[in-house]
Amino acid sequence: MKKFVLASLSFLMPALAFAQSATQTVDSAQSLSAWVIAFINNIAVPLIFALSFVVFIFGIFRYFIAGAANEEKRKSGRDIMIYGIIGFAVMITVWGLVHLLTGTIRLNNSLPSQGNGLPQTAPVNY
């Protein structure tokens, strides 16, 4: 189990490259919420997806290879595969909720356009 934890931590090391964005100052609720949503979309959801995939593959290994003749190991492998599928479902649900939240509240980091306040119309060719 200790080797599994160390191996999974080695896969998490690239996530530390995203640590620079955490040092930005948060000056408004919109920038805080944009940072949280970016963290969930860019780090948390792919991490959950990767971990659930690894757990699912480990369950397949336990079911087919390690538990080929042992019914108890096959049951353990089946349970691990179910946990991996639950991880996939959690990942898809969180990702969907974040996209629903950003679409509903219209959170984005873009600045408003510097126009004269009048609606823009396309030129009409007669």
N, C-alpha and C. Protein backbone atom coordinates (compact mmCIF):
# COMPACT_ATOMS: atom_id res chain seq x y z
N MET A 1 0.82 -1.20 0.00
CA MET A 1 0.00 0.00 0.00
C MET A 1 0.86 1.25 0.00
N LYS A 2 2.00 1.18 0.71
CA LYS A 2 2.90 2.33 0.78
C LYS A 2 3.46 2.66 -0.60
N LYS A 3 3.79 1.62 -1.37
CA LYS A 3 4.30 1.84 -2.72
C LYS A 3 3.23 2.46 -3.62
N PHE A 4 1.99 2.04 -3.43
CA PHE A 4 0.88 2.60 -4.23
C PHE A 4 0.71 4.08 -3.93
N VAL A 5 0.79 4.46 -2.67
CA VAL A 5 0.65 5.87 -2.29
C VAL A 5 1.81 6.68 -2.86
N LEU A 6 3.02 6.16 -2.78
CA LEU A 6 4.17 6.88 -3.32
C LEU A 6 4.09 7.01 -4.83
N ALA A 7 3.62 5.96 -5.49
CA ALA A 7 3.47 6.02 -6.95
C ALA A 7 2.40 7.03 -7.34
N SER A 8 1.30 7.06 -6.60
CA SER A 8 0.24 8.02 -6.94
C SER A 8 0.70 9.45 -6.65
N LEU A 9 1.49 9.65 -5.61
CA LEU A 9 2.01 10.99 -5.33
C LEU A 9 2.97 11.45 -6.42
N SER A 10 3.71 10.53 -7.02
CA SER A 10 4.61 10.93 -8.09
C SER A 10 3.83 11.40 -9.32
N PHE A 11 2.63 10.89 -9.51
CA PHE A 11 1.80 11.36 -10.61
C PHE A 11 1.19 12.72 -10.31
N LEU A 12 1.12 13.09 -9.05
CA LEU A 12 0.54 14.38 -8.66
C LEU A 12 1.55 15.52 -8.72
N MET A 13 2.81 15.22 -8.85
CA MET A 13 3.84 16.27 -8.86
C MET A 13 3.63 17.32 -9.96
N PRO A 14 3.18 16.97 -11.17
CA PRO A 14 2.96 18.03 -12.16
C PRO A 14 1.89 19.04 -11.75
N ALA A 15 1.01 18.67 -10.84
CA ALA A 15 -0.01 19.62 -10.38
C ALA A 15 0.61 20.78 -9.61
N LEU A 16 1.81 20.59 -9.08
CA LEU A 16 2.48 21.67 -8.37
C LEU A 16 2.89 22.79 -9.30
N ALA A 17 2.96 22.53 -10.59
CA ALA A 17 3.31 23.57 -11.55
C ALA A 17 2.22 24.64 -11.62
N PHE A 18 1.01 24.30 -11.22
CA PHE A 18 -0.09 25.26 -11.22
C PHE A 18 -0.11 26.10 -9.96
N ALA A 19 0.87 25.94 -9.07
CA ALA A 19 0.86 26.63 -7.79
C ALA A 19 1.08 28.13 -7.94
N GLN A 20 1.63 28.60 -9.04
CA GLN A 20 1.89 30.01 -9.21
C GLN A 20 0.61 30.82 -9.20
N SER A 21 -0.48 30.30 -9.72
CA SER A 21 -1.72 31.06 -9.76
C SER A 21 -2.30 31.27 -8.36
N ALA A 22 -1.88 30.49 -7.40
CA ALA A 22 -2.40 30.64 -6.04
C ALA A 22 -1.82 31.87 -5.35
N THR A 23 -0.73 32.43 -5.84
CA THR A 23 -0.12 33.58 -5.20
C THR A 23 -0.71 34.90 -5.66
N GLN A 24 -1.61 34.87 -6.61
CA GLN A 24 -2.22 36.10 -7.08
C GLN A 24 -3.10 36.68 -5.98
N THR A 25 -3.17 37.99 -5.93
CA THR A 25 -4.02 38.61 -4.93
C THR A 25 -5.47 38.54 -5.37
N VAL A 26 -6.32 38.30 -4.41
CA VAL A 26 -7.74 38.21 -4.67
C VAL A 26 -8.36 39.52 -4.20
N ASP A 27 -8.87 40.31 -5.13
CA ASP A 27 -9.37 41.63 -4.78
C ASP A 27 -10.88 41.75 -4.88
N SER A 28 -11.55 40.73 -5.38
CA SER A 28 -12.99 40.81 -5.45
C SER A 28 -13.58 39.41 -5.37
N ALA A 29 -14.86 39.37 -5.14
CA ALA A 29 -15.55 38.08 -5.06
C ALA A 29 -15.53 37.39 -6.41
N GLN A 30 -15.60 38.15 -7.49
CA GLN A 30 -15.60 37.53 -8.82
C GLN A 30 -14.24 36.91 -9.12
N SER A 31 -13.15 37.58 -8.75
CA SER A 31 -11.84 36.99 -9.01
C SER A 31 -11.61 35.77 -8.12
N LEU A 32 -12.13 35.79 -6.88
CA LEU A 32 -12.02 34.62 -6.01
C LEU A 32 -12.80 33.46 -6.60
N SER A 33 -14.03 33.72 -7.02
CA SER A 33 -14.82 32.63 -7.59
C SER A 33 -14.22 32.14 -8.91
N ALA A 34 -13.65 33.03 -9.70
CA ALA A 34 -13.00 32.61 -10.94
C ALA A 34 -11.78 31.74 -10.64
N TRP A 35 -11.03 32.10 -9.57
CA TRP A 35 -9.88 31.29 -9.19
C TRP A 35 -10.32 29.91 -8.72
N VAL A 36 -11.38 29.85 -7.90
CA VAL A 36 -11.88 28.56 -7.40
C VAL A 36 -12.35 27.70 -8.56
N ILE A 37 -13.08 28.29 -9.48
CA ILE A 37 -13.59 27.53 -10.63
C ILE A 37 -12.44 27.07 -11.51
N ALA A 38 -11.44 27.92 -11.71
CA ALA A 38 -10.28 27.51 -12.50
C ALA A 38 -9.52 26.39 -11.81
N PHE A 39 -9.41 26.46 -10.49
CA PHE A 39 -8.75 25.39 -9.74
C PHE A 39 -9.50 24.08 -9.89
N ILE A 40 -10.82 24.13 -9.78
CA ILE A 40 -11.62 22.91 -9.91
C ILE A 40 -11.51 22.35 -11.32
N ASN A 41 -11.63 23.23 -12.32
CA ASN A 41 -11.59 22.76 -13.71
C ASN A 41 -10.21 22.28 -14.14
N ASN A 42 -9.16 22.95 -13.71
CA ASN A 42 -7.82 22.65 -14.21
C ASN A 42 -7.04 21.66 -13.37
N ILE A 43 -7.37 21.54 -12.08
CA ILE A 43 -6.58 20.66 -11.22
C ILE A 43 -7.43 19.57 -10.59
N ALA A 44 -8.51 19.94 -9.91
CA ALA A 44 -9.26 18.95 -9.12
C ALA A 44 -9.95 17.91 -10.00
N VAL A 45 -10.66 18.33 -11.02
CA VAL A 45 -11.41 17.38 -11.85
C VAL A 45 -10.47 16.45 -12.62
N PRO A 46 -9.41 16.94 -13.27
CA PRO A 46 -8.50 15.98 -13.91
C PRO A 46 -7.81 15.05 -12.91
N LEU A 47 -7.55 15.54 -11.70
CA LEU A 47 -6.95 14.70 -10.68
C LEU A 47 -7.91 13.59 -10.26
N ILE A 48 -9.17 13.93 -10.03
CA ILE A 48 -10.17 12.92 -9.69
C ILE A 48 -10.32 11.92 -10.83
N PHE A 49 -10.34 12.42 -12.06
CA PHE A 49 -10.45 11.54 -13.21
C PHE A 49 -9.27 10.58 -13.28
N ALA A 50 -8.06 11.09 -13.09
CA ALA A 50 -6.87 10.24 -13.15
C ALA A 50 -6.85 9.21 -12.03
N LEU A 51 -7.20 9.63 -10.83
CA LEU A 51 -7.22 8.69 -9.71
C LEU A 51 -8.28 7.62 -9.89
N SER A 52 -9.45 8.00 -10.38
CA SER A 52 -10.49 7.00 -10.59
C SER A 52 -10.10 6.04 -11.70
N PHE A 53 -9.39 6.52 -12.71
CA PHE A 53 -8.92 5.64 -13.78
C PHE A 53 -7.90 4.65 -13.24
N VAL A 54 -6.96 5.13 -12.41
CA VAL A 54 -5.96 4.24 -11.82
C VAL A 54 -6.63 3.20 -10.92
N VAL A 55 -7.61 3.62 -10.12
CA VAL A 55 -8.33 2.68 -9.26
C VAL A 55 -9.08 1.66 -10.09
N PHE A 56 -9.70 2.09 -11.18
CA PHE A 56 -10.43 1.17 -12.05
C PHE A 56 -9.47 0.15 -12.68
N ILE A 57 -8.33 0.60 -13.18
CA ILE A 57 -7.35 -0.31 -13.77
C ILE A 57 -6.81 -1.28 -12.71
N PHE A 58 -6.59 -0.80 -11.49
CA PHE A 58 -6.15 -1.67 -10.40
C PHE A 58 -7.20 -2.72 -10.10
N GLY A 59 -8.47 -2.34 -10.14
CA GLY A 59 -9.55 -3.30 -9.92
C GLY A 59 -9.60 -4.35 -11.02
N ILE A 60 -9.37 -3.92 -12.26
CA ILE A 60 -9.33 -4.88 -13.37
C ILE A 60 -8.17 -5.87 -13.17
N PHE A 61 -7.03 -5.35 -12.74
CA PHE A 61 -5.89 -6.21 -12.47
C PHE A 61 -6.22 -7.22 -11.38
N ARG A 62 -6.84 -6.75 -10.29
CA ARG A 62 -7.18 -7.65 -9.19
C ARG A 62 -8.23 -8.67 -9.61
N TYR A 63 -9.14 -8.29 -10.46
CA TYR A 63 -10.22 -9.20 -10.85
C TYR A 63 -9.73 -10.27 -11.83
N PHE A 64 -9.02 -9.85 -12.88
CA PHE A 64 -8.65 -10.79 -13.93
C PHE A 64 -7.32 -11.49 -13.70
N ILE A 65 -6.33 -10.79 -13.19
CA ILE A 65 -4.99 -11.38 -13.10
C ILE A 65 -4.72 -11.94 -11.71
N ALA A 66 -4.87 -11.12 -10.68
CA ALA A 66 -4.54 -11.58 -9.34
C ALA A 66 -5.59 -12.54 -8.78
N GLY A 67 -6.84 -12.37 -9.16
CA GLY A 67 -7.89 -13.21 -8.61
C GLY A 67 -8.46 -14.20 -9.58
N ALA A 68 -7.65 -14.70 -10.48
CA ALA A 68 -8.15 -15.61 -11.51
C ALA A 68 -8.73 -16.88 -10.90
N ALA A 69 -8.11 -17.39 -9.83
CA ALA A 69 -8.58 -18.63 -9.23
C ALA A 69 -9.20 -18.42 -7.86
N ASN A 70 -9.06 -17.24 -7.29
CA ASN A 70 -9.54 -16.98 -5.94
C ASN A 70 -10.79 -16.10 -6.00
N GLU A 71 -11.89 -16.63 -5.52
CA GLU A 71 -13.16 -15.89 -5.58
C GLU A 71 -13.15 -14.65 -4.69
N GLU A 72 -12.44 -14.72 -3.57
CA GLU A 72 -12.39 -13.56 -2.67
C GLU A 72 -11.65 -12.39 -3.32
N LYS A 73 -10.54 -12.68 -4.02
CA LYS A 73 -9.81 -11.62 -4.71
C LYS A 73 -10.62 -11.07 -5.88
N ARG A 74 -11.39 -11.93 -6.53
CA ARG A 74 -12.25 -11.45 -7.62
C ARG A 74 -13.31 -10.49 -7.08
N LYS A 75 -13.89 -10.82 -5.92
CA LYS A 75 -14.89 -9.93 -5.31
C LYS A 75 -14.24 -8.59 -4.92
N SER A 76 -13.03 -8.66 -4.38
CA SER A 76 -12.30 -7.44 -4.02
C SER A 76 -12.02 -6.60 -5.26
N GLY A 77 -11.61 -7.24 -6.35
CA GLY A 77 -11.36 -6.51 -7.60
C GLY A 77 -12.61 -5.88 -8.15
N ARG A 78 -13.74 -6.60 -8.07
CA ARG A 78 -15.01 -6.05 -8.54
C ARG A 78 -15.41 -4.82 -7.72
N ASP A 79 -15.21 -4.90 -6.41
CA ASP A 79 -15.52 -3.75 -5.55
C ASP A 79 -14.64 -2.54 -5.89
N ILE A 80 -13.36 -2.79 -6.16
CA ILE A 80 -12.45 -1.70 -6.52
C ILE A 80 -12.86 -1.08 -7.85
N MET A 81 -13.28 -1.90 -8.80
CA MET A 81 -13.75 -1.36 -10.09
C MET A 81 -14.99 -0.50 -9.88
N ILE A 82 -15.87 -0.91 -8.99
CA ILE A 82 -17.08 -0.11 -8.70
C ILE A 82 -16.67 1.24 -8.11
N TYR A 83 -15.67 1.25 -7.21
CA TYR A 83 -15.20 2.52 -6.66
C TYR A 83 -14.61 3.41 -7.75
N GLY A 84 -13.93 2.82 -8.72
CA GLY A 84 -13.41 3.60 -9.84
C GLY A 84 -14.52 4.21 -10.67
N ILE A 85 -15.58 3.45 -10.90
CA ILE A 85 -16.73 3.97 -11.65
C ILE A 85 -17.42 5.08 -10.87
N ILE A 86 -17.50 4.93 -9.56
CA ILE A 86 -18.07 6.00 -8.73
C ILE A 86 -17.21 7.26 -8.83
N GLY A 87 -15.90 7.09 -8.88
CA GLY A 87 -15.00 8.24 -9.07
C GLY A 87 -15.25 8.94 -10.39
N PHE A 88 -15.47 8.16 -11.47
CA PHE A 88 -15.81 8.75 -12.76
C PHE A 88 -17.10 9.55 -12.66
N ALA A 89 -18.11 8.98 -11.98
CA ALA A 89 -19.40 9.67 -11.86
C ALA A 89 -19.25 10.97 -11.06
N VAL A 90 -18.46 10.94 -10.00
CA VAL A 90 -18.23 12.15 -9.20
C VAL A 90 -17.53 13.21 -10.05
N MET A 91 -16.55 12.79 -10.83
CA MET A 91 -15.82 13.73 -11.68
C MET A 91 -16.75 14.39 -12.69
N ILE A 92 -17.57 13.60 -13.34
CA ILE A 92 -18.48 14.15 -14.34
C ILE A 92 -19.51 15.07 -13.69
N THR A 93 -19.99 14.70 -12.51
CA THR A 93 -20.97 15.53 -11.81
C THR A 93 -20.38 16.86 -11.39
N VAL A 94 -19.20 16.85 -10.80
CA VAL A 94 -18.57 18.11 -10.37
C VAL A 94 -18.27 18.99 -11.57
N TRP A 95 -17.76 18.40 -12.63
CA TRP A 95 -17.45 19.17 -13.83
C TRP A 95 -18.71 19.78 -14.41
N GLY A 96 -19.78 19.02 -14.45
CA GLY A 96 -21.05 19.55 -14.95
C GLY A 96 -21.60 20.66 -14.08
N LEU A 97 -21.50 20.50 -12.77
CA LEU A 97 -21.99 21.55 -11.87
C LEU A 97 -21.18 22.84 -12.00
N VAL A 98 -19.88 22.71 -12.17
CA VAL A 98 -19.04 23.90 -12.34
C VAL A 98 -19.40 24.61 -13.64
N HIS A 99 -19.58 23.85 -14.71
CA HIS A 99 -19.96 24.48 -15.98
C HIS A 99 -21.36 25.08 -15.91
N LEU A 100 -22.25 24.45 -15.19
CA LEU A 100 -23.59 25.02 -15.00
C LEU A 100 -23.50 26.31 -14.20
N LEU A 101 -22.66 26.33 -13.18
CA LEU A 101 -22.49 27.54 -12.37
C LEU A 101 -21.88 28.67 -13.18
N THR A 102 -20.85 28.37 -13.95
CA THR A 102 -20.22 29.43 -14.74
C THR A 102 -21.15 29.92 -15.84
N GLY A 103 -21.97 29.07 -16.39
CA GLY A 103 -22.91 29.50 -17.42
C GLY A 103 -24.07 30.31 -16.86
N THR A 104 -24.49 29.96 -15.64
CA THR A 104 -25.62 30.66 -15.03
C THR A 104 -25.22 32.04 -14.51
N ILE A 105 -24.11 32.10 -13.82
CA ILE A 105 -23.68 33.36 -13.21
C ILE A 105 -22.84 34.18 -14.19
N ARG A 106 -22.40 33.57 -15.26
CA ARG A 106 -21.57 34.20 -16.28
C ARG A 106 -20.27 34.74 -15.70
N LEU A 107 -19.59 33.86 -15.01
CA LEU A 107 -18.28 34.23 -14.46
C LEU A 107 -17.23 34.04 -15.54
N ASN A 108 -16.50 35.10 -15.80
CA ASN A 108 -15.39 35.01 -16.73
C ASN A 108 -14.36 36.07 -16.35
N ASN A 109 -13.20 35.93 -16.91
CA ASN A 109 -12.12 36.86 -16.59
C ASN A 109 -11.91 37.90 -17.66
N SER A 110 -12.80 38.00 -18.62
CA SER A 110 -12.62 38.97 -19.69
C SER A 110 -13.12 40.34 -19.26
N LEU A 111 -12.45 41.36 -19.76
CA LEU A 111 -12.85 42.73 -19.45
C LEU A 111 -13.97 43.16 -20.41
N PRO A 112 -14.84 44.03 -19.95
CA PRO A 112 -15.87 44.52 -20.86
C PRO A 112 -15.25 45.34 -21.99
N SER A 113 -15.91 45.34 -23.12
CA SER A 113 -15.39 46.09 -24.27
C SER A 113 -15.50 47.59 -24.01
N GLN A 114 -14.58 48.34 -24.58
CA GLN A 114 -14.55 49.79 -24.41
C GLN A 114 -15.29 50.46 -25.56
N GLY A 115 -16.57 50.32 -25.58
CA GLY A 115 -17.37 50.94 -26.64
C GLY A 115 -18.03 52.21 -26.16
N ASN A 116 -18.86 52.79 -27.00
CA ASN A 116 -19.55 54.02 -26.63
C ASN A 116 -20.88 53.73 -25.95
N GLY A 117 -21.17 52.49 -25.67
CA GLY A 117 -22.40 52.13 -24.98
C GLY A 117 -23.57 51.89 -25.91
N LEU A 118 -23.44 52.22 -27.19
CA LEU A 118 -24.50 52.00 -28.16
C LEU A 118 -24.35 50.62 -28.77
N PRO A 119 -25.46 49.98 -29.09
CA PRO A 119 -25.34 48.66 -29.71
C PRO A 119 -24.73 48.77 -31.09
N GLN A 120 -23.94 47.79 -31.43
CA GLN A 120 -23.27 47.77 -32.73
C GLN A 120 -24.19 47.12 -33.76
N THR A 121 -24.32 47.75 -34.90
CA THR A 121 -25.15 47.19 -35.97
C THR A 121 -24.28 46.95 -37.17
N ALA A 122 -24.66 45.97 -37.92
CA ALA A 122 -23.91 45.64 -39.13
C ALA A 122 -24.31 46.64 -40.23
N PRO A 123 -23.36 47.01 -41.10
CA PRO A 123 -23.70 47.93 -42.20
C PRO A 123 -24.68 47.26 -43.17
N VAL A 124 -25.59 48.03 -43.66
CA VAL A 124 -26.59 47.52 -44.59
C VAL A 124 -26.19 47.91 -46.00
N ASN A 125 -26.10 46.96 -46.88
CA ASN A 125 -25.78 47.20 -48.29
C ASN A 125 -27.05 47.10 -49.11
N TYR A 126 -27.40 48.21 -49.80
CA TYR A 126 -28.61 48.21 -50.63
C TYR A 126 -28.29 47.94 -52.04
